[in-house]
N, C-alpha and C. Protein backbone atom coordinates (compact mmCIF):
# COMPACT_ATOMS: atom_id res chain seq x y z
N UNK A 1 79.64 48.44 19.45
CA UNK A 1 78.42 48.41 18.59
C UNK A 1 77.53 49.64 19.01
N UNK A 2 76.96 50.17 18.21
CA UNK A 2 75.88 51.31 18.56
C UNK A 2 74.63 50.66 19.11
N UNK A 3 74.07 51.62 20.00
CA UNK A 3 72.46 51.12 20.57
C UNK A 3 71.62 51.41 19.41
N UNK A 4 70.67 50.60 19.55
CA UNK A 4 69.25 50.85 18.63
C UNK A 4 68.60 51.99 18.94
N UNK A 5 67.80 52.90 18.26
CA UNK A 5 66.83 53.65 18.58
C UNK A 5 65.76 53.09 19.62
N UNK A 6 65.21 53.86 20.42
CA UNK A 6 64.00 53.42 21.21
C UNK A 6 62.86 53.67 20.29
N UNK A 7 61.66 52.93 20.67
CA UNK A 7 60.46 52.88 19.81
C UNK A 7 60.09 54.32 20.00
N UNK A 8 60.09 55.24 20.92
CA UNK A 8 59.71 56.48 20.79
C UNK A 8 60.48 57.43 19.58
N UNK A 9 61.40 56.75 19.06
CA UNK A 9 62.13 57.45 17.88
C UNK A 9 61.27 57.31 16.59
N UNK A 10 60.92 57.99 15.59
CA UNK A 10 60.08 58.03 14.39
C UNK A 10 60.73 59.02 13.50
N UNK A 11 61.46 58.50 12.47
CA UNK A 11 61.76 59.04 11.32
C UNK A 11 60.55 60.04 10.66
N UNK A 12 61.14 61.20 10.15
CA UNK A 12 59.94 62.00 9.77
C UNK A 12 59.45 62.88 10.98
N UNK A 13 59.68 62.74 11.98
CA UNK A 13 59.08 63.68 13.22
C UNK A 13 59.96 64.77 13.42
N UNK A 14 59.41 65.74 14.23
CA UNK A 14 60.27 67.01 14.57
C UNK A 14 60.62 66.77 15.94
N UNK A 15 62.12 67.19 16.19
CA UNK A 15 62.70 66.66 17.27
C UNK A 15 63.38 68.40 17.86
N UNK A 16 63.42 68.64 19.24
CA UNK A 16 64.61 69.48 19.54
C UNK A 16 65.52 68.71 20.08
N UNK A 17 67.00 69.03 19.22
CA UNK A 17 67.88 68.14 19.27
C UNK A 17 68.98 68.91 20.51
N UNK A 18 69.71 68.29 21.51
CA UNK A 18 70.67 68.89 22.20
C UNK A 18 72.04 68.18 22.06
N UNK A 19 72.94 68.81 22.11
CA UNK A 19 74.34 68.66 21.67
C UNK A 19 75.22 68.95 23.18
N UNK A 20 75.75 67.80 23.69
CA UNK A 20 76.38 68.16 24.85
C UNK A 20 77.84 69.05 24.53
N UNK A 21 77.92 70.02 25.50
CA UNK A 21 79.11 70.88 25.59
C UNK A 21 79.45 71.01 27.03
N UNK A 22 80.54 71.73 27.18
CA UNK A 22 81.02 71.83 28.41
C UNK A 22 80.02 72.71 29.13
N UNK A 23 79.46 73.98 28.90
CA UNK A 23 78.98 74.93 29.63
C UNK A 23 77.25 74.41 29.85
N UNK A 24 76.74 74.41 28.50
CA UNK A 24 75.23 74.08 28.44
C UNK A 24 75.01 73.57 27.08
N UNK A 25 73.97 72.39 26.88
CA UNK A 25 73.84 72.20 25.45
C UNK A 25 73.51 72.88 24.24
N UNK A 26 74.14 72.60 23.19
CA UNK A 26 73.67 73.39 21.90
C UNK A 26 72.39 72.86 21.70
N UNK A 27 71.63 73.71 20.87
CA UNK A 27 70.23 73.38 20.78
C UNK A 27 70.04 73.71 19.32
N UNK A 28 69.16 72.71 18.51
CA UNK A 28 68.64 72.57 17.33
C UNK A 28 67.58 72.12 17.19
N UNK A 29 67.00 72.17 15.84
CA UNK A 29 65.83 71.18 15.49
C UNK A 29 66.35 70.25 14.25
N UNK A 30 65.59 69.19 14.52
CA UNK A 30 65.99 68.03 13.59
C UNK A 30 64.90 67.20 13.24
N UNK A 31 64.89 67.04 11.92
CA UNK A 31 63.94 65.90 11.12
C UNK A 31 64.81 64.81 10.42
N UNK A 32 64.75 63.89 11.44
CA UNK A 32 65.43 62.39 10.96
C UNK A 32 64.94 61.90 9.62
N UNK A 33 65.84 61.39 8.68
CA UNK A 33 65.40 60.82 7.41
C UNK A 33 65.19 59.22 7.82
N UNK A 34 66.30 58.79 8.93
CA UNK A 34 66.18 57.41 9.40
C UNK A 34 66.92 57.61 10.52
N UNK A 35 67.36 56.66 11.36
CA UNK A 35 68.26 56.64 12.59
C UNK A 35 69.50 56.97 12.30
N UNK A 36 69.92 57.14 11.05
CA UNK A 36 71.52 57.61 10.64
C UNK A 36 71.67 59.06 10.72
N UNK A 37 70.66 59.44 10.04
CA UNK A 37 70.99 61.02 9.31
C UNK A 37 69.61 61.68 9.52
N UNK A 38 69.81 63.08 9.44
CA UNK A 38 68.58 63.86 9.33
C UNK A 38 68.88 65.37 8.93
N UNK A 39 67.99 66.14 8.83
CA UNK A 39 68.15 67.50 8.67
C UNK A 39 68.09 68.41 9.85
N UNK A 40 69.10 69.21 9.96
CA UNK A 40 69.26 70.03 11.03
C UNK A 40 69.06 71.40 10.83
N UNK A 41 68.38 72.19 11.41
CA UNK A 41 68.42 73.69 11.58
C UNK A 41 68.89 74.26 12.80
N UNK A 42 69.42 75.17 12.85
CA UNK A 42 70.23 75.72 13.96
C UNK A 42 70.85 77.30 13.63
N UNK A 43 71.30 77.75 14.70
CA UNK A 43 72.04 78.82 14.49
C UNK A 43 73.42 78.47 15.23
N UNK A 44 74.81 79.14 14.82
CA UNK A 44 75.98 78.93 15.19
C UNK A 44 76.75 80.21 14.69
N UNK A 45 77.84 80.12 15.43
CA UNK A 45 78.92 81.01 15.21
C UNK A 45 80.14 80.58 14.51
N UNK A 46 80.47 80.92 13.45
CA UNK A 46 81.58 80.51 12.76
C UNK A 46 82.60 81.88 12.50
N UNK A 47 83.55 81.84 13.29
CA UNK A 47 84.17 83.20 13.25
C UNK A 47 84.92 83.32 12.06
N UNK A 48 85.33 82.30 11.23
CA UNK A 48 86.05 82.39 9.94
C UNK A 48 84.76 83.04 8.96
N UNK A 49 83.56 83.04 9.08
CA UNK A 49 82.81 83.84 8.19
C UNK A 49 81.84 84.99 8.63
N UNK A 50 81.81 85.13 10.10
CA UNK A 50 80.94 85.91 10.87
C UNK A 50 81.08 86.12 12.42
N UNK A 51 81.25 87.24 12.95
CA UNK A 51 81.40 87.33 14.28
C UNK A 51 80.14 87.19 15.16
N UNK A 52 79.02 87.07 14.49
CA UNK A 52 77.87 86.86 15.11
C UNK A 52 77.08 85.44 14.81
N UNK A 53 75.83 85.24 15.41
CA UNK A 53 75.20 84.07 15.01
C UNK A 53 74.61 84.07 13.74
N UNK A 54 74.71 82.79 12.97
CA UNK A 54 74.25 82.57 11.69
C UNK A 54 73.46 81.31 11.47
N UNK A 55 72.43 81.59 10.90
CA UNK A 55 71.42 80.41 10.49
C UNK A 55 72.09 79.46 9.59
N UNK A 56 71.69 78.09 9.78
CA UNK A 56 72.45 77.14 9.06
C UNK A 56 71.53 75.86 8.85
N UNK A 57 71.28 75.37 7.66
CA UNK A 57 70.63 73.99 7.78
C UNK A 57 71.90 73.10 7.06
N UNK A 58 71.71 71.94 7.65
CA UNK A 58 72.81 70.78 7.18
C UNK A 58 72.26 69.42 7.38
N UNK A 59 73.04 68.34 6.89
CA UNK A 59 72.69 67.16 7.10
C UNK A 59 73.32 66.74 8.67
N UNK A 60 72.69 66.06 9.48
CA UNK A 60 73.30 65.76 10.83
C UNK A 60 73.36 64.14 10.97
N UNK A 61 74.45 63.74 11.27
CA UNK A 61 74.55 62.30 11.68
C UNK A 61 73.67 62.05 12.88
N UNK A 62 73.15 61.08 13.22
CA UNK A 62 72.29 60.83 14.47
C UNK A 62 72.81 59.59 15.16
N UNK A 63 72.92 58.55 14.68
CA UNK A 63 73.67 57.40 15.33
C UNK A 63 74.95 57.26 15.27
N UNK A 64 75.45 57.42 16.11
CA UNK A 64 77.04 57.41 16.43
C UNK A 64 77.87 58.74 16.43
N UNK A 65 76.87 59.81 16.51
CA UNK A 65 77.33 61.13 16.84
C UNK A 65 77.78 61.42 18.39
N UNK A 66 79.12 61.72 18.42
CA UNK A 66 79.52 61.96 19.85
C UNK A 66 78.83 62.75 20.90
N UNK A 67 78.27 63.85 19.97
CA UNK A 67 77.85 65.11 21.00
C UNK A 67 76.40 65.31 20.88
N UNK A 68 75.44 64.50 20.06
CA UNK A 68 74.29 64.51 19.94
C UNK A 68 73.87 63.69 21.09
N UNK A 69 73.36 64.23 22.18
CA UNK A 69 72.92 63.33 23.29
C UNK A 69 71.34 63.36 23.55
N UNK A 70 70.82 64.20 23.18
CA UNK A 70 69.19 64.13 23.26
C UNK A 70 68.39 64.63 22.11
N UNK A 71 67.16 63.92 22.25
CA UNK A 71 66.07 64.46 21.21
C UNK A 71 64.82 64.33 21.76
N UNK A 72 64.11 65.38 22.01
CA UNK A 72 62.69 65.81 22.38
C UNK A 72 61.92 65.81 21.21
N UNK A 73 60.99 64.94 21.02
CA UNK A 73 60.15 64.65 19.93
C UNK A 73 58.98 65.74 20.21
N UNK A 74 58.92 66.63 19.51
CA UNK A 74 57.88 67.83 19.85
C UNK A 74 56.85 67.78 18.63
N UNK A 75 56.87 66.69 17.77
CA UNK A 75 55.83 66.63 16.59
C UNK A 75 55.92 65.38 16.10
N UNK A 76 54.94 64.43 16.29
CA UNK A 76 55.00 63.17 15.31
C UNK A 76 54.65 63.27 14.11
N UNK A 77 55.09 62.43 13.22
CA UNK A 77 54.51 62.52 11.64
C UNK A 77 53.43 62.04 11.50
N UNK A 78 52.92 61.28 12.37
CA UNK A 78 51.52 60.83 12.67
C UNK A 78 50.35 61.80 12.56
N UNK A 79 50.87 63.01 13.19
CA UNK A 79 50.09 64.08 13.34
C UNK A 79 50.09 65.03 11.94
N UNK A 80 50.43 64.70 10.95
CA UNK A 80 50.78 65.33 9.76
C UNK A 80 52.23 65.91 9.98
N UNK A 81 52.76 65.36 8.70
CA UNK A 81 54.36 65.78 8.66
C UNK A 81 54.75 67.14 8.31
N UNK A 82 55.66 67.58 9.09
CA UNK A 82 56.43 68.90 8.79
C UNK A 82 57.50 68.62 7.71
N UNK A 83 57.53 69.14 6.98
CA UNK A 83 58.72 68.90 5.69
C UNK A 83 59.84 69.58 6.10
N UNK A 84 60.91 69.08 5.55
CA UNK A 84 62.15 69.92 5.93
C UNK A 84 62.02 71.34 5.32
N UNK A 85 61.29 71.47 4.03
CA UNK A 85 61.25 72.80 3.44
C UNK A 85 60.34 73.82 4.40
N UNK A 86 59.39 73.12 5.06
CA UNK A 86 58.56 73.90 5.91
C UNK A 86 59.17 74.28 7.03
N UNK A 87 59.94 73.38 7.56
CA UNK A 87 60.99 73.88 8.56
C UNK A 87 61.78 74.99 8.28
N UNK A 88 62.89 74.66 7.28
CA UNK A 88 63.59 75.47 6.74
C UNK A 88 63.16 76.87 6.44
N UNK A 89 62.13 76.88 6.01
CA UNK A 89 61.21 78.37 5.84
C UNK A 89 60.79 79.03 7.21
N UNK A 90 60.32 78.22 8.25
CA UNK A 90 59.95 78.61 9.44
C UNK A 90 61.16 79.25 10.12
N UNK A 91 62.40 78.54 10.00
CA UNK A 91 63.92 78.95 10.70
C UNK A 91 64.24 80.13 10.07
N UNK A 92 64.08 80.43 8.65
CA UNK A 92 64.53 81.50 7.82
C UNK A 92 63.70 82.83 8.38
N UNK A 93 62.70 82.79 8.77
CA UNK A 93 61.95 83.84 9.32
C UNK A 93 62.23 84.41 10.75
N UNK A 94 62.73 83.40 11.31
CA UNK A 94 63.11 83.93 12.74
C UNK A 94 64.68 84.49 12.65
N UNK A 95 64.96 85.72 12.84
CA UNK A 95 66.31 86.23 12.71
C UNK A 95 67.21 85.74 13.77
N UNK A 96 68.74 85.35 13.12
CA UNK A 96 69.48 85.00 14.04
C UNK A 96 70.02 86.30 14.99
N UNK A 97 70.39 86.05 16.02
CA UNK A 97 70.67 87.52 16.98
C UNK A 97 72.16 87.69 16.30
N UNK A 98 71.80 89.33 16.30
CA UNK A 98 73.07 89.78 16.07
C UNK A 98 74.18 90.17 17.30
N UNK A 99 74.42 89.02 17.51
CA UNK A 99 75.57 89.14 18.61
C UNK A 99 76.57 87.78 18.82
N UNK A 100 77.18 87.59 19.58
CA UNK A 100 78.00 86.31 19.86
C UNK A 100 77.74 86.06 21.38
N UNK A 101 76.70 86.38 21.84
CA UNK A 101 76.48 85.89 23.33
C UNK A 101 76.04 84.39 23.56
N UNK A 102 76.88 83.82 24.40
CA UNK A 102 76.56 82.25 24.60
C UNK A 102 75.44 81.91 24.96
N UNK A 103 74.51 80.87 24.48
CA UNK A 103 73.35 80.57 24.96
C UNK A 103 72.08 81.06 24.15
N UNK A 104 72.41 81.58 22.84
CA UNK A 104 71.21 82.18 22.15
C UNK A 104 70.48 81.30 21.48
N UNK A 105 71.18 80.12 21.20
CA UNK A 105 70.61 78.98 20.14
C UNK A 105 69.19 78.37 20.79
N UNK A 106 69.09 78.20 21.98
CA UNK A 106 67.84 77.86 22.70
C UNK A 106 66.77 78.71 22.52
N UNK A 107 66.88 79.98 23.02
CA UNK A 107 65.69 80.98 22.75
C UNK A 107 65.22 81.06 21.42
N UNK A 108 66.44 80.99 20.21
CA UNK A 108 66.01 81.18 18.86
C UNK A 108 65.24 79.79 18.42
N UNK A 109 65.58 78.64 18.81
CA UNK A 109 64.51 77.39 18.59
C UNK A 109 63.28 77.65 19.29
N UNK A 110 62.97 77.95 20.47
CA UNK A 110 61.81 78.22 20.69
C UNK A 110 61.01 79.25 19.83
N UNK A 111 61.79 80.26 19.44
CA UNK A 111 60.95 81.30 18.40
C UNK A 111 60.74 80.37 17.29
N UNK A 112 61.27 79.54 16.73
CA UNK A 112 60.99 78.90 15.44
C UNK A 112 59.92 77.88 16.11
N UNK A 113 59.73 77.28 17.04
CA UNK A 113 58.73 76.38 17.42
C UNK A 113 57.60 77.29 17.69
N UNK A 114 57.49 78.51 18.09
CA UNK A 114 56.52 79.43 18.11
C UNK A 114 55.93 79.89 16.93
N UNK A 115 56.74 80.01 16.01
CA UNK A 115 56.46 80.42 14.59
C UNK A 115 55.66 79.15 14.05
N UNK A 116 56.15 77.88 14.17
CA UNK A 116 55.47 76.64 13.83
C UNK A 116 53.95 76.48 14.29
N UNK A 117 53.96 76.93 15.61
CA UNK A 117 52.67 76.79 16.20
C UNK A 117 51.67 77.87 15.58
N UNK A 118 52.10 79.01 15.37
CA UNK A 118 51.30 80.11 14.89
C UNK A 118 50.67 79.65 13.43
N UNK A 119 51.73 79.13 12.54
CA UNK A 119 51.40 78.59 11.32
C UNK A 119 50.59 77.42 11.27
N UNK A 120 50.10 76.86 12.45
CA UNK A 120 49.37 75.72 12.67
C UNK A 120 49.92 74.18 12.17
N UNK A 121 51.22 74.28 12.12
CA UNK A 121 52.02 73.02 11.95
C UNK A 121 52.31 72.16 13.11
N UNK A 122 52.47 72.59 14.30
CA UNK A 122 52.47 71.84 15.39
C UNK A 122 51.34 72.69 16.44
N UNK A 123 51.25 72.01 17.68
CA UNK A 123 50.67 72.73 18.78
C UNK A 123 51.52 72.89 19.76
N UNK A 124 51.68 74.16 20.37
CA UNK A 124 52.81 74.12 21.45
C UNK A 124 51.65 74.55 22.65
N UNK A 125 51.82 74.03 23.65
CA UNK A 125 50.88 74.19 24.84
C UNK A 125 51.15 74.90 25.73
N UNK A 126 52.55 75.15 26.17
CA UNK A 126 53.38 75.71 27.09
C UNK A 126 54.75 75.99 26.80
N UNK A 127 54.76 77.24 26.31
CA UNK A 127 56.43 77.40 25.89
C UNK A 127 57.25 77.26 27.03
N UNK A 128 57.12 77.71 28.45
CA UNK A 128 58.11 77.70 29.44
C UNK A 128 58.28 76.19 29.72
N UNK A 129 57.15 75.42 29.65
CA UNK A 129 57.37 74.17 30.31
C UNK A 129 58.09 73.47 29.27
N UNK A 130 57.92 73.66 27.90
CA UNK A 130 58.61 73.27 26.90
C UNK A 130 60.29 73.14 27.42
N UNK A 131 60.54 74.40 27.59
CA UNK A 131 61.83 74.61 27.86
C UNK A 131 62.37 74.08 28.90
N UNK A 132 61.57 74.06 30.06
CA UNK A 132 62.21 73.38 31.05
C UNK A 132 62.24 71.85 30.70
N UNK A 133 61.43 71.41 30.29
CA UNK A 133 61.26 69.72 29.64
C UNK A 133 62.23 69.62 29.10
N UNK A 134 62.95 70.33 28.00
CA UNK A 134 64.23 70.20 27.15
C UNK A 134 65.41 70.26 28.21
N UNK A 135 65.38 71.36 29.05
CA UNK A 135 66.68 71.43 29.64
C UNK A 135 66.70 70.16 30.61
N UNK A 136 65.71 69.70 31.40
CA UNK A 136 65.61 68.44 32.17
C UNK A 136 66.29 67.11 31.27
N UNK A 137 65.54 66.93 30.18
CA UNK A 137 65.87 65.89 29.37
C UNK A 137 67.62 66.39 28.86
N UNK A 138 68.06 67.44 28.39
CA UNK A 138 69.56 67.60 27.96
C UNK A 138 70.47 67.33 29.22
N UNK A 139 70.07 67.93 30.42
CA UNK A 139 71.09 67.70 31.44
C UNK A 139 71.16 66.33 31.76
N UNK A 140 70.08 65.37 31.89
CA UNK A 140 70.15 63.84 32.28
C UNK A 140 70.72 63.06 31.08
N UNK A 141 70.95 63.62 30.16
CA UNK A 141 71.32 62.96 28.86
C UNK A 141 72.81 63.15 28.49
N UNK A 142 73.61 63.68 29.32
CA UNK A 142 75.33 64.03 29.21
C UNK A 142 75.86 62.50 28.91
N UNK A 143 75.25 61.30 29.59
CA UNK A 143 76.09 60.03 29.55
C UNK A 143 75.69 59.51 28.16
N UNK A 144 74.67 60.10 27.15
CA UNK A 144 74.57 59.66 25.70
C UNK A 144 75.49 60.16 24.73
N UNK A 145 76.28 61.00 25.30
CA UNK A 145 77.07 61.61 24.49
C UNK A 145 78.41 60.83 24.18
N UNK A 146 78.19 59.73 23.40
CA UNK A 146 78.93 58.60 23.28
C UNK A 146 78.69 58.24 21.85
N UNK A 147 79.76 57.65 20.93
CA UNK A 147 79.56 57.19 19.70
C UNK A 147 78.78 55.95 19.61
N UNK A 148 78.94 54.89 20.89
CA UNK A 148 78.26 53.83 21.06
C UNK A 148 76.79 53.89 21.46
N UNK A 149 76.22 55.22 21.74
CA UNK A 149 74.68 55.26 22.44
C UNK A 149 74.05 56.07 21.40
N UNK A 150 72.69 55.58 21.26
CA UNK A 150 71.70 56.48 20.49
C UNK A 150 71.50 57.38 21.20
N UNK A 151 71.30 58.77 20.66
CA UNK A 151 70.89 59.71 21.76
C UNK A 151 69.56 59.35 22.71
N UNK A 152 69.53 59.87 23.87
CA UNK A 152 68.31 59.80 24.72
C UNK A 152 67.05 60.29 23.99
N UNK A 153 65.86 59.63 23.77
CA UNK A 153 64.67 60.24 23.14
C UNK A 153 63.65 60.25 24.30
N UNK A 154 63.03 61.26 24.19
CA UNK A 154 61.77 61.41 24.99
C UNK A 154 60.72 62.39 23.97
N UNK A 155 59.42 61.92 24.49
CA UNK A 155 58.24 62.72 23.69
C UNK A 155 57.76 63.80 24.69
N UNK A 156 57.66 65.10 24.10
CA UNK A 156 57.15 66.17 24.75
C UNK A 156 55.80 66.10 25.38
N UNK A 157 55.58 66.58 26.51
CA UNK A 157 54.14 66.70 26.77
C UNK A 157 53.60 68.01 26.88
N UNK A 158 54.60 68.98 26.00
CA UNK A 158 54.13 70.33 25.98
C UNK A 158 54.01 70.84 24.62
N UNK A 159 54.05 69.77 23.53
CA UNK A 159 54.09 70.13 22.14
C UNK A 159 53.32 68.51 21.46
N UNK A 160 52.47 68.91 20.35
CA UNK A 160 52.09 67.81 19.58
C UNK A 160 52.33 68.07 18.16
C-alpha cells in the first residue's frame, strides 16, 4: 500500500524533484496535477537521439514511482499559479549544456528557477542556499525511493 502525500504537498505548486541514482540525484522541475501525476521539465541524455543533454517535457508519475524520492516546494499555487506553459517557456529559454558531463541537470534547473525569478513568477531569496537545501533534502530522502512511499516533501525557505 502506497503512503499518502503529506499536508505540505499541493497540486499545482512548483517543486524541484530529486530522483535517486547511484552517484547523485537527477534534478528536475515538477508541477503536479494531483498526487499521481504531474508535468516534468528536465534535461537528459538519450544516446539513441543525441550524445549531449537535451531538454524534455513529459508526464511524470509521482505516487508509486520508485526513483522519485524528494520534492522541494519552491512556489505554492496560493501565491499565484505558475502554469505548465509558463514553466515550459522558461525551461526552453535556458539552453541545455552542449556536453555529456554528469551532473549538469542541477545547475540547469537552478538557471530555470533564476529565470522564473527574473520574470516575477516566483521569488528566489538565495540561490546558493536553495542548492544546499535541495541537496540536503535529496541526500536524506534515499529511503523514499520505493514504490510504496510517497516522495519526501519539504517547503523551501529560499524560494516563494
